[in-house]
Amino acid sequence: MLKIAEAAGVGGMIGGQVRDVLWEKRKRISKKELIEIHHNKTAKMFIAAFGAGAAVAGANKTIIKKMEKIGERIGLAFQIHNDLQDVLWTSEQTGKKSGGDARNNKHTYVTVFGLEAAKTKYAVLVNEAIEMLQQYPNSKPVIDIIKQFAKI
């Protein structure tokens, strides 16, 4: 529970979101800064969730760490997917007005790295997470969910 609380707090999601909002006023941020924001505001929650799930299931420390690495990849992919949706999907597909990130001067994976780099990084993260999950028995339902939602 402590890891989940830490992931949600100022050293995680809240801190990452605050930086994200404050840095909207800046014309540019570095690639390193964007990765830090994404890691804190999104990936840390997935890391904590995957780690906590493994711990509750009785996994040893090695397995918990592996699950956290999977959670990190899924969390970063989730954030990049969100950035891609804002550029590539229609309002009908997303349920919100498309292009909001650009209108709000948001720094996204697409604006900092470029559209093609964002697509590539997203695919790499999803594929790595699936590969890592495949070594575990009974992981097929989780892999199927990832594949279902992984379409750009």
N, C-alpha and C. Protein backbone atom coordinates (compact mmCIF):
# COMPACT_ATOMS: atom_id res chain seq x y z
N MET A 1 0.82 -1.20 0.00
CA MET A 1 0.00 0.00 0.00
C MET A 1 0.86 1.27 0.00
N LEU A 2 2.00 1.20 0.68
CA LEU A 2 2.89 2.36 0.73
C LEU A 2 3.37 2.74 -0.67
N LYS A 3 3.70 1.73 -1.49
CA LYS A 3 4.18 2.03 -2.85
C LYS A 3 3.08 2.71 -3.67
N ILE A 4 1.85 2.29 -3.48
CA ILE A 4 0.75 2.93 -4.22
C ILE A 4 0.58 4.38 -3.76
N ALA A 5 0.63 4.60 -2.45
CA ALA A 5 0.52 5.96 -1.92
C ALA A 5 1.66 6.84 -2.43
N GLU A 6 2.87 6.32 -2.43
CA GLU A 6 4.02 7.08 -2.93
C GLU A 6 3.88 7.38 -4.42
N ALA A 7 3.39 6.41 -5.17
CA ALA A 7 3.22 6.60 -6.62
C ALA A 7 2.16 7.65 -6.92
N ALA A 8 1.20 7.79 -6.04
CA ALA A 8 0.13 8.78 -6.24
C ALA A 8 0.53 10.16 -5.74
N GLY A 9 1.50 10.25 -4.85
CA GLY A 9 1.83 11.51 -4.17
C GLY A 9 2.71 12.45 -4.97
N VAL A 10 3.35 13.38 -4.23
CA VAL A 10 4.14 14.42 -4.86
C VAL A 10 5.37 13.88 -5.60
N GLY A 11 5.84 12.71 -5.21
CA GLY A 11 6.96 12.09 -5.91
C GLY A 11 6.50 11.24 -7.08
N GLY A 12 5.22 11.25 -7.36
CA GLY A 12 4.66 10.44 -8.44
C GLY A 12 3.64 11.23 -9.25
N MET A 13 2.40 10.71 -9.28
CA MET A 13 1.36 11.25 -10.13
C MET A 13 1.08 12.73 -9.87
N ILE A 14 0.90 13.10 -8.62
CA ILE A 14 0.57 14.50 -8.32
C ILE A 14 1.73 15.41 -8.72
N GLY A 15 2.93 15.05 -8.34
CA GLY A 15 4.09 15.86 -8.71
C GLY A 15 4.28 15.95 -10.21
N GLY A 16 4.10 14.84 -10.90
CA GLY A 16 4.22 14.84 -12.36
C GLY A 16 3.17 15.71 -13.01
N GLN A 17 1.95 15.65 -12.50
CA GLN A 17 0.86 16.45 -13.06
C GLN A 17 1.10 17.94 -12.80
N VAL A 18 1.59 18.27 -11.62
CA VAL A 18 1.90 19.67 -11.31
C VAL A 18 2.96 20.19 -12.28
N ARG A 19 4.03 19.43 -12.47
CA ARG A 19 5.06 19.85 -13.42
C ARG A 19 4.49 19.99 -14.83
N ASP A 20 3.64 19.06 -15.21
CA ASP A 20 3.03 19.10 -16.53
C ASP A 20 2.26 20.41 -16.73
N VAL A 21 1.46 20.77 -15.75
CA VAL A 21 0.66 22.00 -15.86
C VAL A 21 1.55 23.24 -15.80
N LEU A 22 2.50 23.28 -14.89
CA LEU A 22 3.38 24.44 -14.77
C LEU A 22 4.22 24.64 -16.02
N TRP A 23 4.68 23.55 -16.61
CA TRP A 23 5.55 23.64 -17.76
C TRP A 23 4.82 23.94 -19.06
N GLU A 24 3.48 23.98 -19.02
CA GLU A 24 2.73 24.39 -20.21
C GLU A 24 3.10 25.81 -20.61
N LYS A 25 3.51 26.62 -19.64
CA LYS A 25 3.87 28.01 -19.90
C LYS A 25 5.21 28.14 -20.63
N ARG A 26 6.01 27.10 -20.57
CA ARG A 26 7.30 27.11 -21.25
C ARG A 26 7.11 26.78 -22.73
N LYS A 27 7.88 27.44 -23.58
CA LYS A 27 7.78 27.15 -25.01
C LYS A 27 8.27 25.76 -25.33
N ARG A 28 9.32 25.34 -24.63
CA ARG A 28 9.91 24.02 -24.90
C ARG A 28 10.30 23.37 -23.59
N ILE A 29 10.28 22.05 -23.64
CA ILE A 29 10.89 21.27 -22.57
C ILE A 29 11.77 20.22 -23.24
N SER A 30 12.72 19.71 -22.50
CA SER A 30 13.63 18.73 -23.09
C SER A 30 12.97 17.35 -23.13
N LYS A 31 13.56 16.48 -23.91
CA LYS A 31 13.07 15.10 -23.97
C LYS A 31 13.17 14.46 -22.59
N LYS A 32 14.26 14.74 -21.89
CA LYS A 32 14.45 14.19 -20.55
C LYS A 32 13.35 14.67 -19.60
N GLU A 33 13.00 15.94 -19.68
CA GLU A 33 11.95 16.49 -18.81
C GLU A 33 10.59 15.84 -19.11
N LEU A 34 10.29 15.65 -20.40
CA LEU A 34 9.02 15.02 -20.75
C LEU A 34 8.96 13.58 -20.24
N ILE A 35 10.04 12.85 -20.41
CA ILE A 35 10.08 11.47 -19.93
C ILE A 35 9.88 11.44 -18.42
N GLU A 36 10.49 12.39 -17.71
CA GLU A 36 10.32 12.48 -16.26
C GLU A 36 8.86 12.74 -15.89
N ILE A 37 8.21 13.64 -16.61
CA ILE A 37 6.79 13.92 -16.36
C ILE A 37 5.98 12.65 -16.59
N HIS A 38 6.16 12.00 -17.72
CA HIS A 38 5.39 10.80 -18.04
C HIS A 38 5.65 9.69 -17.03
N HIS A 39 6.90 9.55 -16.64
CA HIS A 39 7.23 8.50 -15.68
C HIS A 39 6.52 8.76 -14.35
N ASN A 40 6.55 10.00 -13.91
CA ASN A 40 5.93 10.32 -12.63
C ASN A 40 4.41 10.33 -12.68
N LYS A 41 3.83 11.02 -13.66
CA LYS A 41 2.38 11.20 -13.62
C LYS A 41 1.60 9.97 -14.08
N THR A 42 2.24 9.06 -14.80
CA THR A 42 1.51 7.90 -15.31
C THR A 42 2.18 6.58 -14.96
N ALA A 43 3.43 6.42 -15.34
CA ALA A 43 4.08 5.11 -15.20
C ALA A 43 4.16 4.64 -13.75
N LYS A 44 4.41 5.55 -12.82
CA LYS A 44 4.57 5.13 -11.43
C LYS A 44 3.31 4.46 -10.88
N MET A 45 2.15 4.89 -11.33
CA MET A 45 0.90 4.25 -10.87
C MET A 45 0.80 2.82 -11.41
N PHE A 46 1.20 2.61 -12.65
CA PHE A 46 1.19 1.27 -13.23
C PHE A 46 2.25 0.39 -12.56
N ILE A 47 3.42 0.97 -12.30
CA ILE A 47 4.47 0.23 -11.61
C ILE A 47 3.96 -0.26 -10.26
N ALA A 48 3.34 0.65 -9.51
CA ALA A 48 2.83 0.30 -8.18
C ALA A 48 1.72 -0.74 -8.27
N ALA A 49 0.84 -0.59 -9.24
CA ALA A 49 -0.28 -1.54 -9.39
C ALA A 49 0.22 -2.94 -9.73
N PHE A 50 1.14 -3.03 -10.66
CA PHE A 50 1.67 -4.34 -11.04
C PHE A 50 2.46 -4.96 -9.90
N GLY A 51 3.26 -4.15 -9.22
CA GLY A 51 4.02 -4.65 -8.09
C GLY A 51 3.14 -5.09 -6.95
N ALA A 52 2.12 -4.29 -6.64
CA ALA A 52 1.20 -4.64 -5.55
C ALA A 52 0.42 -5.90 -5.89
N GLY A 53 0.00 -6.02 -7.12
CA GLY A 53 -0.72 -7.23 -7.54
C GLY A 53 0.13 -8.48 -7.37
N ALA A 54 1.39 -8.37 -7.75
CA ALA A 54 2.29 -9.51 -7.60
C ALA A 54 2.54 -9.82 -6.12
N ALA A 55 2.70 -8.78 -5.32
CA ALA A 55 2.93 -8.98 -3.88
C ALA A 55 1.73 -9.65 -3.22
N VAL A 56 0.54 -9.19 -3.54
CA VAL A 56 -0.69 -9.77 -2.96
C VAL A 56 -0.84 -11.23 -3.39
N ALA A 57 -0.37 -11.54 -4.59
CA ALA A 57 -0.44 -12.91 -5.09
C ALA A 57 0.63 -13.81 -4.46
N GLY A 58 1.51 -13.22 -3.65
CA GLY A 58 2.53 -14.01 -2.97
C GLY A 58 3.83 -14.18 -3.73
N ALA A 59 4.06 -13.33 -4.72
CA ALA A 59 5.28 -13.44 -5.53
C ALA A 59 6.51 -13.04 -4.71
N ASN A 60 7.65 -13.58 -5.10
CA ASN A 60 8.90 -13.20 -4.44
C ASN A 60 9.38 -11.85 -4.99
N LYS A 61 10.44 -11.31 -4.39
CA LYS A 61 10.94 -9.98 -4.76
C LYS A 61 11.37 -9.90 -6.22
N THR A 62 11.94 -10.97 -6.73
CA THR A 62 12.38 -10.98 -8.13
C THR A 62 11.19 -10.83 -9.07
N ILE A 63 10.14 -11.58 -8.81
CA ILE A 63 8.93 -11.50 -9.65
C ILE A 63 8.27 -10.14 -9.50
N ILE A 64 8.22 -9.63 -8.28
CA ILE A 64 7.63 -8.30 -8.06
C ILE A 64 8.37 -7.26 -8.89
N LYS A 65 9.70 -7.29 -8.89
CA LYS A 65 10.49 -6.34 -9.69
C LYS A 65 10.20 -6.50 -11.18
N LYS A 66 10.07 -7.73 -11.64
CA LYS A 66 9.76 -7.97 -13.06
C LYS A 66 8.37 -7.42 -13.40
N MET A 67 7.42 -7.61 -12.50
CA MET A 67 6.08 -7.08 -12.73
C MET A 67 6.10 -5.55 -12.76
N GLU A 68 6.92 -4.96 -11.90
CA GLU A 68 7.03 -3.49 -11.90
C GLU A 68 7.62 -2.99 -13.22
N LYS A 69 8.56 -3.72 -13.79
CA LYS A 69 9.14 -3.34 -15.08
C LYS A 69 8.08 -3.43 -16.19
N ILE A 70 7.23 -4.43 -16.11
CA ILE A 70 6.12 -4.55 -17.07
C ILE A 70 5.17 -3.37 -16.88
N GLY A 71 4.85 -3.07 -15.64
CA GLY A 71 3.97 -1.93 -15.35
C GLY A 71 4.53 -0.62 -15.86
N GLU A 72 5.85 -0.46 -15.75
CA GLU A 72 6.48 0.76 -16.25
C GLU A 72 6.26 0.89 -17.76
N ARG A 73 6.48 -0.19 -18.48
CA ARG A 73 6.31 -0.15 -19.94
C ARG A 73 4.84 0.13 -20.31
N ILE A 74 3.94 -0.50 -19.62
CA ILE A 74 2.52 -0.28 -19.92
C ILE A 74 2.12 1.14 -19.55
N GLY A 75 2.62 1.64 -18.44
CA GLY A 75 2.31 3.01 -18.04
C GLY A 75 2.81 4.05 -19.02
N LEU A 76 4.05 3.90 -19.48
CA LEU A 76 4.59 4.83 -20.46
C LEU A 76 3.85 4.70 -21.79
N ALA A 77 3.55 3.46 -22.18
CA ALA A 77 2.78 3.24 -23.42
C ALA A 77 1.40 3.88 -23.31
N PHE A 78 0.77 3.75 -22.15
CA PHE A 78 -0.55 4.35 -21.92
C PHE A 78 -0.49 5.86 -22.16
N GLN A 79 0.53 6.51 -21.62
CA GLN A 79 0.65 7.96 -21.78
C GLN A 79 0.91 8.35 -23.22
N ILE A 80 1.79 7.62 -23.90
CA ILE A 80 2.06 7.92 -25.30
C ILE A 80 0.82 7.67 -26.15
N HIS A 81 0.08 6.61 -25.83
CA HIS A 81 -1.17 6.32 -26.55
C HIS A 81 -2.13 7.49 -26.41
N ASN A 82 -2.23 8.04 -25.20
CA ASN A 82 -3.09 9.19 -24.97
C ASN A 82 -2.65 10.38 -25.82
N ASP A 83 -1.34 10.60 -25.89
CA ASP A 83 -0.81 11.69 -26.72
C ASP A 83 -1.12 11.46 -28.20
N LEU A 84 -0.98 10.23 -28.65
CA LEU A 84 -1.27 9.90 -30.04
C LEU A 84 -2.75 10.04 -30.36
N GLN A 85 -3.60 9.61 -29.45
CA GLN A 85 -5.04 9.73 -29.65
C GLN A 85 -5.44 11.18 -29.91
N ASP A 86 -4.85 12.09 -29.15
CA ASP A 86 -5.22 13.49 -29.28
C ASP A 86 -4.92 14.04 -30.67
N VAL A 87 -3.93 13.46 -31.33
CA VAL A 87 -3.53 13.91 -32.66
C VAL A 87 -4.23 13.12 -33.77
N LEU A 88 -4.38 11.81 -33.57
CA LEU A 88 -4.82 10.94 -34.66
C LEU A 88 -6.29 10.57 -34.64
N TRP A 89 -6.93 10.65 -33.49
CA TRP A 89 -8.31 10.19 -33.39
C TRP A 89 -9.29 11.36 -33.47
N THR A 90 -10.49 11.05 -33.88
CA THR A 90 -11.54 12.07 -33.94
C THR A 90 -12.18 12.24 -32.56
N SER A 91 -12.92 13.32 -32.41
CA SER A 91 -13.65 13.56 -31.17
C SER A 91 -14.63 12.43 -30.87
N GLU A 92 -15.21 11.87 -31.91
CA GLU A 92 -16.16 10.77 -31.72
C GLU A 92 -15.45 9.53 -31.17
N GLN A 93 -14.24 9.30 -31.60
CA GLN A 93 -13.48 8.13 -31.14
C GLN A 93 -13.00 8.28 -29.69
N THR A 94 -12.64 9.49 -29.31
CA THR A 94 -12.07 9.69 -27.97
C THR A 94 -13.11 10.11 -26.93
N GLY A 95 -14.21 10.68 -27.38
CA GLY A 95 -15.21 11.18 -26.43
C GLY A 95 -14.86 12.56 -25.88
N LYS A 96 -13.81 13.15 -26.42
CA LYS A 96 -13.44 14.52 -26.04
C LYS A 96 -12.97 15.25 -27.29
N LYS A 97 -12.91 16.54 -27.22
CA LYS A 97 -12.52 17.33 -28.38
C LYS A 97 -11.08 17.02 -28.77
N SER A 98 -10.85 16.63 -30.01
CA SER A 98 -9.51 16.32 -30.50
C SER A 98 -8.66 17.58 -30.57
N GLY A 99 -7.36 17.40 -30.45
CA GLY A 99 -6.44 18.52 -30.57
C GLY A 99 -6.31 19.37 -29.32
N GLY A 100 -6.85 18.90 -28.22
CA GLY A 100 -6.81 19.67 -26.98
C GLY A 100 -5.41 19.93 -26.46
N ASP A 101 -4.52 18.97 -26.67
CA ASP A 101 -3.15 19.16 -26.20
C ASP A 101 -2.50 20.36 -26.89
N ALA A 102 -2.68 20.47 -28.20
CA ALA A 102 -2.11 21.60 -28.94
C ALA A 102 -2.76 22.91 -28.51
N ARG A 103 -4.07 22.92 -28.36
CA ARG A 103 -4.78 24.13 -27.94
C ARG A 103 -4.32 24.60 -26.56
N ASN A 104 -3.98 23.66 -25.70
CA ASN A 104 -3.58 23.99 -24.33
C ASN A 104 -2.06 24.06 -24.15
N ASN A 105 -1.33 24.08 -25.27
CA ASN A 105 0.13 24.17 -25.25
C ASN A 105 0.78 23.06 -24.42
N LYS A 106 0.19 21.88 -24.46
CA LYS A 106 0.73 20.74 -23.72
C LYS A 106 1.96 20.19 -24.43
N HIS A 107 2.93 19.82 -23.63
CA HIS A 107 4.10 19.14 -24.15
C HIS A 107 3.79 17.65 -24.11
N THR A 108 3.78 17.02 -25.27
CA THR A 108 3.44 15.61 -25.36
C THR A 108 4.57 14.86 -26.05
N TYR A 109 4.47 13.54 -26.03
CA TYR A 109 5.48 12.74 -26.73
C TYR A 109 5.51 13.11 -28.21
N VAL A 110 4.35 13.42 -28.77
CA VAL A 110 4.27 13.78 -30.19
C VAL A 110 4.93 15.12 -30.44
N THR A 111 4.69 16.12 -29.59
CA THR A 111 5.26 17.45 -29.83
C THR A 111 6.75 17.50 -29.54
N VAL A 112 7.23 16.70 -28.60
CA VAL A 112 8.64 16.74 -28.23
C VAL A 112 9.49 15.81 -29.11
N PHE A 113 8.97 14.62 -29.41
CA PHE A 113 9.75 13.63 -30.16
C PHE A 113 9.33 13.53 -31.63
N GLY A 114 8.12 13.92 -31.96
CA GLY A 114 7.59 13.78 -33.31
C GLY A 114 6.63 12.61 -33.41
N LEU A 115 5.74 12.68 -34.38
CA LEU A 115 4.68 11.68 -34.54
C LEU A 115 5.23 10.28 -34.78
N GLU A 116 6.16 10.14 -35.71
CA GLU A 116 6.68 8.81 -36.04
C GLU A 116 7.46 8.21 -34.87
N ALA A 117 8.24 9.03 -34.19
CA ALA A 117 8.98 8.54 -33.03
C ALA A 117 8.01 8.10 -31.92
N ALA A 118 6.92 8.83 -31.76
CA ALA A 118 5.92 8.46 -30.75
C ALA A 118 5.28 7.12 -31.10
N LYS A 119 4.92 6.94 -32.36
CA LYS A 119 4.34 5.66 -32.79
C LYS A 119 5.32 4.51 -32.56
N THR A 120 6.57 4.74 -32.92
CA THR A 120 7.59 3.70 -32.77
C THR A 120 7.80 3.36 -31.29
N LYS A 121 7.98 4.37 -30.46
CA LYS A 121 8.22 4.12 -29.03
C LYS A 121 7.03 3.40 -28.41
N TYR A 122 5.84 3.79 -28.80
CA TYR A 122 4.63 3.15 -28.28
C TYR A 122 4.64 1.66 -28.63
N ALA A 123 4.90 1.35 -29.88
CA ALA A 123 4.92 -0.06 -30.32
C ALA A 123 6.00 -0.85 -29.59
N VAL A 124 7.16 -0.26 -29.40
CA VAL A 124 8.25 -0.93 -28.70
C VAL A 124 7.84 -1.25 -27.26
N LEU A 125 7.27 -0.27 -26.57
CA LEU A 125 6.86 -0.48 -25.17
C LEU A 125 5.79 -1.56 -25.05
N VAL A 126 4.80 -1.53 -25.93
CA VAL A 126 3.73 -2.54 -25.89
C VAL A 126 4.31 -3.92 -26.16
N ASN A 127 5.15 -4.03 -27.18
CA ASN A 127 5.73 -5.33 -27.52
C ASN A 127 6.63 -5.86 -26.41
N GLU A 128 7.40 -4.98 -25.79
CA GLU A 128 8.25 -5.41 -24.67
C GLU A 128 7.40 -5.93 -23.51
N ALA A 129 6.33 -5.21 -23.19
CA ALA A 129 5.45 -5.64 -22.09
C ALA A 129 4.85 -7.01 -22.40
N ILE A 130 4.38 -7.20 -23.62
CA ILE A 130 3.79 -8.49 -24.00
C ILE A 130 4.83 -9.60 -23.93
N GLU A 131 6.02 -9.34 -24.46
CA GLU A 131 7.10 -10.34 -24.39
C GLU A 131 7.41 -10.73 -22.95
N MET A 132 7.49 -9.74 -22.09
CA MET A 132 7.80 -10.01 -20.69
C MET A 132 6.68 -10.80 -20.01
N LEU A 133 5.45 -10.50 -20.36
CA LEU A 133 4.31 -11.20 -19.76
C LEU A 133 4.21 -12.65 -20.23
N GLN A 134 4.63 -12.91 -21.46
CA GLN A 134 4.47 -14.25 -22.04
C GLN A 134 5.20 -15.34 -21.27
N GLN A 135 6.15 -14.97 -20.45
CA GLN A 135 6.88 -15.99 -19.69
C GLN A 135 6.08 -16.50 -18.49
N TYR A 136 4.96 -15.86 -18.21
CA TYR A 136 4.18 -16.25 -17.04
C TYR A 136 2.93 -17.04 -17.46
N PRO A 137 2.67 -18.15 -16.76
CA PRO A 137 1.45 -18.90 -17.06
C PRO A 137 0.23 -18.04 -16.73
N ASN A 138 -0.81 -18.26 -17.43
CA ASN A 138 -2.08 -17.55 -17.21
C ASN A 138 -2.03 -16.06 -17.55
N SER A 139 -1.04 -15.64 -18.32
CA SER A 139 -0.95 -14.22 -18.67
C SER A 139 -1.75 -13.86 -19.92
N LYS A 140 -2.29 -14.85 -20.60
CA LYS A 140 -2.99 -14.59 -21.87
C LYS A 140 -4.13 -13.58 -21.72
N PRO A 141 -4.97 -13.63 -20.69
CA PRO A 141 -6.04 -12.61 -20.58
C PRO A 141 -5.50 -11.18 -20.49
N VAL A 142 -4.40 -11.00 -19.77
CA VAL A 142 -3.80 -9.67 -19.67
C VAL A 142 -3.23 -9.25 -21.02
N ILE A 143 -2.56 -10.16 -21.68
CA ILE A 143 -2.00 -9.87 -23.01
C ILE A 143 -3.12 -9.53 -23.99
N ASP A 144 -4.21 -10.26 -23.93
CA ASP A 144 -5.35 -9.98 -24.82
C ASP A 144 -5.91 -8.58 -24.58
N ILE A 145 -5.99 -8.17 -23.32
CA ILE A 145 -6.48 -6.82 -23.01
C ILE A 145 -5.52 -5.76 -23.56
N ILE A 146 -4.24 -5.98 -23.38
CA ILE A 146 -3.25 -5.03 -23.90
C ILE A 146 -3.39 -4.93 -25.42
N LYS A 147 -3.49 -6.05 -26.09
CA LYS A 147 -3.63 -6.05 -27.55
C LYS A 147 -4.92 -5.34 -27.99
N GLN A 148 -5.99 -5.57 -27.25
CA GLN A 148 -7.28 -4.96 -27.59
C GLN A 148 -7.21 -3.44 -27.53
N PHE A 149 -6.53 -2.91 -26.52
CA PHE A 149 -6.48 -1.47 -26.34
C PHE A 149 -5.26 -0.83 -26.97
N ALA A 150 -4.38 -1.64 -27.55
CA ALA A 150 -3.12 -1.12 -28.07
C ALA A 150 -3.23 -0.54 -29.48
N LYS A 151 -4.37 -0.64 -30.08
CA LYS A 151 -4.49 -0.17 -31.47
C LYS A 151 -4.48 1.35 -31.52
N ILE A 152 -3.72 1.86 -32.46
CA ILE A 152 -3.65 3.32 -32.66
C ILE A 152 -4.62 3.69 -33.76
